PDB file of all heavy atoms in Angstrom:
ATOM      1  N   LYS A   1      -4.271  17.337  -9.856  1.00  0.00           N
ATOM      2  CA  LYS A   1      -4.261  17.550 -11.307  1.00  0.00           C
ATOM      3  C   LYS A   1      -3.181  16.704 -11.983  1.00  0.00           C
ATOM      4  O   LYS A   1      -3.194  16.523 -13.205  1.00  0.00           O
ATOM      5  CB  LYS A   1      -4.078  19.022 -11.638  1.00  0.00           C
ATOM      6  CG  LYS A   1      -2.735  19.622 -11.278  1.00  0.00           C
ATOM      7  CD  LYS A   1      -2.680  21.089 -11.724  1.00  0.00           C
ATOM      8  CE  LYS A   1      -1.360  21.741 -11.368  1.00  0.00           C
ATOM      9  NZ  LYS A   1      -1.312  23.157 -11.852  1.00  0.00           N
ATOM     10  N   TYR A   2      -2.229  16.198 -11.197  1.00  0.00           N
ATOM     11  CA  TYR A   2      -1.181  15.353 -11.757  1.00  0.00           C
ATOM     12  C   TYR A   2      -1.461  13.876 -11.520  1.00  0.00           C
ATOM     13  O   TYR A   2      -0.679  13.026 -11.955  1.00  0.00           O
ATOM     14  CB  TYR A   2       0.183  15.707 -11.152  1.00  0.00           C
ATOM     15  CG  TYR A   2       0.590  17.149 -11.390  1.00  0.00           C
ATOM     16  CD1 TYR A   2       0.884  17.993 -10.328  1.00  0.00           C
ATOM     17  CD2 TYR A   2       0.695  17.646 -12.681  1.00  0.00           C
ATOM     18  CE1 TYR A   2       1.260  19.310 -10.555  1.00  0.00           C
ATOM     19  CE2 TYR A   2       1.063  18.954 -12.926  1.00  0.00           C
ATOM     20  CZ  TYR A   2       1.354  19.780 -11.847  1.00  0.00           C
ATOM     21  OH  TYR A   2       1.714  21.088 -12.076  1.00  0.00           O
ATOM     22  N   LYS A   3      -2.557  13.570 -10.852  1.00  0.00           N
ATOM     23  CA  LYS A   3      -2.875  12.172 -10.553  1.00  0.00           C
ATOM     24  C   LYS A   3      -3.396  11.504 -11.827  1.00  0.00           C
ATOM     25  O   LYS A   3      -4.250  12.055 -12.529  1.00  0.00           O
ATOM     26  CB  LYS A   3      -3.919  12.074  -9.433  1.00  0.00           C
ATOM     27  CG  LYS A   3      -3.972  10.717  -8.773  1.00  0.00           C
ATOM     28  CD  LYS A   3      -4.823  10.765  -7.511  1.00  0.00           C
ATOM     29  CE  LYS A   3      -4.761   9.424  -6.779  1.00  0.00           C
ATOM     30  NZ  LYS A   3      -5.174   8.303  -7.576  1.00  0.00           N
ATOM     31  N   ILE A   4      -2.907  10.325 -12.115  1.00  0.00           N
ATOM     32  CA  ILE A   4      -3.249   9.658 -13.359  1.00  0.00           C
ATOM     33  C   ILE A   4      -4.668   9.107 -13.337  1.00  0.00           C
ATOM     34  O   ILE A   4      -5.414   9.251 -14.300  1.00  0.00           O
ATOM     35  CB  ILE A   4      -2.243   8.519 -13.649  1.00  0.00           C
ATOM     36  CG1 ILE A   4      -0.828   9.096 -13.792  1.00  0.00           C
ATOM     37  CG2 ILE A   4      -2.632   7.753 -14.911  1.00  0.00           C
ATOM     38  CD1 ILE A   4       0.279   8.068 -13.825  1.00  0.00           C
ATOM     39  N   GLN A   5      -5.069   8.504 -12.220  1.00  0.00           N
ATOM     40  CA  GLN A   5      -6.428   7.980 -12.069  1.00  0.00           C
ATOM     41  C   GLN A   5      -7.209   8.806 -11.034  1.00  0.00           C
ATOM     42  O   GLN A   5      -6.626   9.247 -10.038  1.00  0.00           O
ATOM     43  CB  GLN A   5      -6.395   6.519 -11.622  1.00  0.00           C
ATOM     44  CG  GLN A   5      -5.738   5.565 -12.606  1.00  0.00           C
ATOM     45  CD  GLN A   5      -5.901   4.121 -12.183  1.00  0.00           C
ATOM     46  OE1 GLN A   5      -7.002   3.676 -11.859  1.00  0.00           O
ATOM     47  NE2 GLN A   5      -4.800   3.403 -12.202  1.00  0.00           N
ATOM     48  N   ALA A   6      -8.489   8.966 -11.281  1.00  0.00           N
ATOM     49  CA  ALA A   6      -9.328   9.727 -10.345  1.00  0.00           C
ATOM     50  C   ALA A   6      -9.596   8.941  -9.076  1.00  0.00           C
ATOM     51  O   ALA A   6      -9.776   9.531  -8.002  1.00  0.00           O
ATOM     52  CB  ALA A   6     -10.645  10.095 -11.035  1.00  0.00           C
ATOM     53  N   LYS A   7      -9.611   7.635  -9.185  1.00  0.00           N
ATOM     54  CA  LYS A   7      -9.923   6.775  -8.040  1.00  0.00           C
ATOM     55  C   LYS A   7      -8.804   6.845  -6.985  1.00  0.00           C
ATOM     56  O   LYS A   7      -7.622   6.916  -7.332  1.00  0.00           O
ATOM     57  CB  LYS A   7     -10.094   5.347  -8.494  1.00  0.00           C
ATOM     58  CG  LYS A   7     -10.422   4.362  -7.389  1.00  0.00           C
ATOM     59  CD  LYS A   7     -10.510   2.934  -7.930  1.00  0.00           C
ATOM     60  CE  LYS A   7     -10.721   1.943  -6.804  1.00  0.00           C
ATOM     61  NZ  LYS A   7     -10.721   0.542  -7.299  1.00  0.00           N
ATOM     62  N   ASN A   8      -9.198   6.823  -5.694  1.00  0.00           N
ATOM     63  CA  ASN A   8      -8.235   6.792  -4.595  1.00  0.00           C
ATOM     64  C   ASN A   8      -8.323   5.467  -3.840  1.00  0.00           C
ATOM     65  O   ASN A   8      -9.379   4.838  -3.816  1.00  0.00           O
ATOM     66  CB  ASN A   8      -8.496   7.933  -3.603  1.00  0.00           C
ATOM     67  CG  ASN A   8      -8.108   9.275  -4.170  1.00  0.00           C
ATOM     68  OD1 ASN A   8      -7.160   9.394  -4.946  1.00  0.00           O
ATOM     69  ND2 ASN A   8      -8.830  10.315  -3.775  1.00  0.00           N
ATOM     70  N   ASN A   9      -7.228   5.071  -3.224  1.00  0.00           N
ATOM     71  CA  ASN A   9      -7.233   3.897  -2.364  1.00  0.00           C
ATOM     72  C   ASN A   9      -7.743   4.293  -0.988  1.00  0.00           C
ATOM     73  O   ASN A   9      -7.489   5.410  -0.508  1.00  0.00           O
ATOM     74  CB  ASN A   9      -5.813   3.327  -2.241  1.00  0.00           C
ATOM     75  CG  ASN A   9      -5.309   2.738  -3.537  1.00  0.00           C
ATOM     76  OD1 ASN A   9      -5.694   1.645  -3.930  1.00  0.00           O
ATOM     77  ND2 ASN A   9      -4.457   3.491  -4.232  1.00  0.00           N
ATOM     78  N   THR A  10      -8.415   3.402  -0.322  1.00  0.00           N
ATOM     79  CA  THR A  10      -8.901   3.674   1.033  1.00  0.00           C
ATOM     80  C   THR A  10      -7.721   3.587   2.005  1.00  0.00           C
ATOM     81  O   THR A  10      -6.735   2.903   1.744  1.00  0.00           O
ATOM     82  CB  THR A  10      -9.957   2.650   1.460  1.00  0.00           C
ATOM     83  OG1 THR A  10      -9.354   1.349   1.528  1.00  0.00           O
ATOM     84  CG2 THR A  10     -11.116   2.634   0.476  1.00  0.00           C
ATOM     85  N   PRO A  11      -7.816   4.289   3.147  1.00  0.00           N
ATOM     86  CA  PRO A  11      -6.767   4.155   4.176  1.00  0.00           C
ATOM     87  C   PRO A  11      -6.547   2.711   4.599  1.00  0.00           C
ATOM     88  O   PRO A  11      -5.403   2.301   4.848  1.00  0.00           O
ATOM     89  CB  PRO A  11      -7.307   5.016   5.319  1.00  0.00           C
ATOM     90  CG  PRO A  11      -8.156   6.044   4.663  1.00  0.00           C
ATOM     91  CD  PRO A  11      -8.795   5.315   3.512  1.00  0.00           C
ATOM     92  N   ALA A  12      -7.615   1.933   4.649  1.00  0.00           N
ATOM     93  CA  ALA A  12      -7.503   0.523   5.052  1.00  0.00           C
ATOM     94  C   ALA A  12      -6.664  -0.259   4.043  1.00  0.00           C
ATOM     95  O   ALA A  12      -5.826  -1.105   4.405  1.00  0.00           O
ATOM     96  CB  ALA A  12      -8.888  -0.112   5.179  1.00  0.00           C
ATOM     97  N   ALA A  13      -6.848   0.032   2.758  1.00  0.00           N
ATOM     98  CA  ALA A  13      -6.086  -0.648   1.703  1.00  0.00           C
ATOM     99  C   ALA A  13      -4.617  -0.239   1.766  1.00  0.00           C
ATOM    100  O   ALA A  13      -3.720  -1.055   1.571  1.00  0.00           O
ATOM    101  CB  ALA A  13      -6.656  -0.308   0.339  1.00  0.00           C
ATOM    102  N   GLN A  14      -4.358   1.025   2.035  1.00  0.00           N
ATOM    103  CA  GLN A  14      -2.971   1.494   2.172  1.00  0.00           C
ATOM    104  C   GLN A  14      -2.290   0.850   3.377  1.00  0.00           C
ATOM    105  O   GLN A  14      -1.125   0.454   3.295  1.00  0.00           O
ATOM    106  CB  GLN A  14      -2.964   3.018   2.291  1.00  0.00           C
ATOM    107  CG  GLN A  14      -3.428   3.724   1.030  1.00  0.00           C
ATOM    108  CD  GLN A  14      -3.680   5.215   1.256  1.00  0.00           C
ATOM    109  OE1 GLN A  14      -3.852   5.654   2.379  1.00  0.00           O
ATOM    110  NE2 GLN A  14      -3.654   5.984   0.169  1.00  0.00           N
ATOM    111  N   GLU A  15      -3.022   0.772   4.487  1.00  0.00           N
ATOM    112  CA  GLU A  15      -2.450   0.179   5.704  1.00  0.00           C
ATOM    113  C   GLU A  15      -2.185  -1.317   5.526  1.00  0.00           C
ATOM    114  O   GLU A  15      -1.208  -1.852   6.026  1.00  0.00           O
ATOM    115  CB  GLU A  15      -3.387   0.430   6.890  1.00  0.00           C
ATOM    116  CG  GLU A  15      -3.374   1.881   7.340  1.00  0.00           C
ATOM    117  CD  GLU A  15      -4.604   2.276   8.155  1.00  0.00           C
ATOM    118  OE1 GLU A  15      -5.342   1.341   8.576  1.00  0.00           O
ATOM    119  OE2 GLU A  15      -4.829   3.477   8.373  1.00  0.00           O
ATOM    120  N   LYS A  16      -3.075  -1.984   4.786  1.00  0.00           N
ATOM    121  CA  LYS A  16      -2.869  -3.401   4.486  1.00  0.00           C
ATOM    122  C   LYS A  16      -1.575  -3.592   3.704  1.00  0.00           C
ATOM    123  O   LYS A  16      -0.794  -4.520   3.979  1.00  0.00           O
ATOM    124  CB  LYS A  16      -4.042  -3.946   3.688  1.00  0.00           C
ATOM    125  CG  LYS A  16      -3.863  -5.383   3.206  1.00  0.00           C
ATOM    126  CD  LYS A  16      -4.914  -5.756   2.180  1.00  0.00           C
ATOM    127  CE  LYS A  16      -4.610  -7.118   1.568  1.00  0.00           C
ATOM    128  NZ  LYS A  16      -5.571  -7.475   0.490  1.00  0.00           N
ATOM    129  N   CYS A  17      -1.348  -2.720   2.735  1.00  0.00           N
ATOM    130  CA  CYS A  17      -0.139  -2.779   1.926  1.00  0.00           C
ATOM    131  C   CYS A  17       1.121  -2.621   2.791  1.00  0.00           C
ATOM    132  O   CYS A  17       2.060  -3.420   2.681  1.00  0.00           O
ATOM    133  CB  CYS A  17      -0.175  -1.688   0.853  1.00  0.00           C
ATOM    134  SG  CYS A  17       1.317  -1.588  -0.160  1.00  0.00           S
ATOM    135  N   ILE A  18       1.110  -1.632   3.674  1.00  0.00           N
ATOM    136  CA  ILE A  18       2.280  -1.376   4.521  1.00  0.00           C
ATOM    137  C   ILE A  18       2.543  -2.554   5.466  1.00  0.00           C
ATOM    138  O   ILE A  18       3.692  -2.998   5.608  1.00  0.00           O
ATOM    139  CB  ILE A  18       2.078  -0.080   5.333  1.00  0.00           C
ATOM    140  CG1 ILE A  18       2.041   1.120   4.388  1.00  0.00           C
ATOM    141  CG2 ILE A  18       3.191   0.104   6.366  1.00  0.00           C
ATOM    142  CD1 ILE A  18       1.640   2.431   5.055  1.00  0.00           C
ATOM    143  N   THR A  19       1.496  -3.082   6.059  1.00  0.00           N
ATOM    144  CA  THR A  19       1.636  -4.216   6.978  1.00  0.00           C
ATOM    145  C   THR A  19       2.210  -5.430   6.280  1.00  0.00           C
ATOM    146  O   THR A  19       3.137  -6.082   6.771  1.00  0.00           O
ATOM    147  CB  THR A  19       0.276  -4.573   7.607  1.00  0.00           C
ATOM    148  OG1 THR A  19      -0.268  -3.427   8.262  1.00  0.00           O
ATOM    149  CG2 THR A  19       0.425  -5.707   8.613  1.00  0.00           C
ATOM    150  N   ARG A  20       1.668  -5.728   5.094  1.00  0.00           N
ATOM    151  CA  ARG A  20       2.143  -6.884   4.345  1.00  0.00           C
ATOM    152  C   ARG A  20       3.582  -6.677   3.873  1.00  0.00           C
ATOM    153  O   ARG A  20       4.384  -7.621   3.879  1.00  0.00           O
ATOM    154  CB  ARG A  20       1.223  -7.095   3.133  1.00  0.00           C
ATOM    155  CG  ARG A  20       1.388  -8.419   2.421  1.00  0.00           C
ATOM    156  CD  ARG A  20       0.790  -9.564   3.182  1.00  0.00           C
ATOM    157  NE  ARG A  20      -0.643  -9.413   3.377  1.00  0.00           N
ATOM    158  CZ  ARG A  20      -1.541  -9.830   2.470  1.00  0.00           C
ATOM    159  NH1 ARG A  20      -1.155 -10.391   1.330  1.00  0.00           N
ATOM    160  NH2 ARG A  20      -2.841  -9.668   2.717  1.00  0.00           N
ATOM    161  N   LEU A  21       3.922  -5.449   3.504  1.00  0.00           N
ATOM    162  CA  LEU A  21       5.281  -5.155   3.066  1.00  0.00           C
ATOM    163  C   LEU A  21       6.287  -5.406   4.179  1.00  0.00           C
ATOM    164  O   LEU A  21       7.348  -5.992   3.956  1.00  0.00           O
ATOM    165  CB  LEU A  21       5.380  -3.709   2.593  1.00  0.00           C
ATOM    166  CG  LEU A  21       4.847  -3.418   1.196  1.00  0.00           C
ATOM    167  CD1 LEU A  21       4.776  -1.903   0.966  1.00  0.00           C
ATOM    168  CD2 LEU A  21       5.706  -4.074   0.129  1.00  0.00           C
ATOM    169  N   LEU A  22       5.988  -4.937   5.375  1.00  0.00           N
ATOM    170  CA  LEU A  22       6.893  -5.142   6.502  1.00  0.00           C
ATOM    171  C   LEU A  22       7.107  -6.624   6.778  1.00  0.00           C
ATOM    172  O   LEU A  22       8.206  -7.079   7.067  1.00  0.00           O
ATOM    173  CB  LEU A  22       6.361  -4.424   7.741  1.00  0.00           C
ATOM    174  CG  LEU A  22       6.427  -2.898   7.698  1.00  0.00           C
ATOM    175  CD1 LEU A  22       5.663  -2.291   8.882  1.00  0.00           C
ATOM    176  CD2 LEU A  22       7.871  -2.405   7.687  1.00  0.00           C
ATOM    177  N   LEU A  23       6.010  -7.396   6.662  1.00  0.00           N
ATOM    178  CA  LEU A  23       6.107  -8.830   6.857  1.00  0.00           C
ATOM    179  C   LEU A  23       7.016  -9.464   5.792  1.00  0.00           C
ATOM    180  O   LEU A  23       7.910 -10.255   6.115  1.00  0.00           O
ATOM    181  CB  LEU A  23       4.705  -9.458   6.782  1.00  0.00           C
ATOM    182  CG  LEU A  23       4.629 -10.973   6.905  1.00  0.00           C
ATOM    183  CD1 LEU A  23       5.061 -11.412   8.285  1.00  0.00           C
ATOM    184  CD2 LEU A  23       3.202 -11.458   6.603  1.00  0.00           C
ATOM    185  N   TYR A  24       6.807  -9.101   4.537  1.00  0.00           N
ATOM    186  CA  TYR A  24       7.607  -9.648   3.443  1.00  0.00           C
ATOM    187  C   TYR A  24       9.080  -9.234   3.556  1.00  0.00           C
ATOM    188  O   TYR A  24       9.972 -10.034   3.335  1.00  0.00           O
ATOM    189  CB  TYR A  24       7.068  -9.177   2.089  1.00  0.00           C
ATOM    190  CG  TYR A  24       5.742  -9.800   1.684  1.00  0.00           C
ATOM    191  CD1 TYR A  24       4.955  -9.210   0.704  1.00  0.00           C
ATOM    192  CD2 TYR A  24       5.261 -10.962   2.296  1.00  0.00           C
ATOM    193  CE1 TYR A  24       3.751  -9.749   0.307  1.00  0.00           C
ATOM    194  CE2 TYR A  24       4.049 -11.505   1.930  1.00  0.00           C
ATOM    195  CZ  TYR A  24       3.303 -10.909   0.927  1.00  0.00           C
ATOM    196  OH  TYR A  24       2.092 -11.452   0.557  1.00  0.00           O
ATOM    197  N   HIS A  25       9.282  -7.967   3.900  1.00  0.00           N
ATOM    198  CA  HIS A  25      10.654  -7.469   3.959  1.00  0.00           C
ATOM    199  C   HIS A  25      11.485  -8.177   5.026  1.00  0.00           C
ATOM    200  O   HIS A  25      12.630  -8.540   4.818  1.00  0.00           O
ATOM    201  CB  HIS A  25      10.664  -5.963   4.190  1.00  0.00           C
ATOM    202  CG  HIS A  25      10.268  -5.187   2.983  1.00  0.00           C
ATOM    203  ND1 HIS A  25      10.254  -3.810   2.938  1.00  0.00           N
ATOM    204  CD2 HIS A  25       9.869  -5.575   1.743  1.00  0.00           C
ATOM    205  CE1 HIS A  25       9.866  -3.406   1.755  1.00  0.00           C
ATOM    206  NE2 HIS A  25       9.627  -4.454   1.011  1.00  0.00           N
ATOM    207  N   PHE A  26      10.869  -8.377   6.205  1.00  0.00           N
ATOM    208  CA  PHE A  26      11.605  -9.002   7.307  1.00  0.00           C
ATOM    209  C   PHE A  26      11.646 -10.523   7.193  1.00  0.00           C
ATOM    210  O   PHE A  26      12.612 -11.148   7.655  1.00  0.00           O
ATOM    211  CB  PHE A  26      10.979  -8.603   8.651  1.00  0.00           C
ATOM    212  CG  PHE A  26      11.415  -7.246   9.128  1.00  0.00           C
ATOM    213  CD1 PHE A  26      10.638  -6.117   8.872  1.00  0.00           C
ATOM    214  CD2 PHE A  26      12.617  -7.090   9.822  1.00  0.00           C
ATOM    215  CE1 PHE A  26      11.048  -4.858   9.303  1.00  0.00           C
ATOM    216  CE2 PHE A  26      13.015  -5.825  10.253  1.00  0.00           C
ATOM    217  CZ  PHE A  26      12.249  -4.713  10.004  1.00  0.00           C
ATOM    218  N   CYS A  27      10.633 -11.104   6.572  1.00  0.00           N
ATOM    219  CA  CYS A  27      10.568 -12.575   6.510  1.00  0.00           C
ATOM    220  C   CYS A  27      11.055 -13.165   5.183  1.00  0.00           C
ATOM    221  O   CYS A  27      11.304 -14.372   5.096  1.00  0.00           O
ATOM    222  CB  CYS A  27       9.136 -13.046   6.768  1.00  0.00           C
ATOM    223  SG  CYS A  27       8.531 -12.626   8.416  1.00  0.00           S
ATOM    224  N   VAL A  28      11.173 -12.329   4.153  1.00  0.00           N
ATOM    225  CA  VAL A  28      11.643 -12.814   2.837  1.00  0.00           C
ATOM    226  C   VAL A  28      12.908 -12.079   2.423  1.00  0.00           C
ATOM    227  O   VAL A  28      13.956 -12.709   2.178  1.00  0.00           O
ATOM    228  CB  VAL A  28      10.549 -12.637   1.746  1.00  0.00           C
ATOM    229  CG1 VAL A  28      11.072 -13.134   0.403  1.00  0.00           C
ATOM    230  CG2 VAL A  28       9.291 -13.405   2.136  1.00  0.00           C
ATOM    231  N   ASN A  29      12.850 -10.749   2.329  1.00  0.00           N
ATOM    232  CA  ASN A  29      13.980  -9.991   1.810  1.00  0.00           C
ATOM    233  C   ASN A  29      15.234 -10.112   2.669  1.00  0.00           C
ATOM    234  O   ASN A  29      16.324 -10.389   2.153  1.00  0.00           O
ATOM    235  CB  ASN A  29      13.610  -8.512   1.680  1.00  0.00           C
ATOM    236  CG  ASN A  29      12.581  -8.273   0.580  1.00  0.00           C
ATOM    237  OD1 ASN A  29      11.959  -9.195   0.095  1.00  0.00           O
ATOM    238  ND2 ASN A  29      12.377  -7.014   0.221  1.00  0.00           N
TER     239      ASN A  29
END
């Protein structure tokens, strides 16, 4: 009821985000 959009991200999309973030954090940040 507090979610702004009704649409949800798929688990695959969430996992892609986490994987890419770890790559960026260790290789860029």
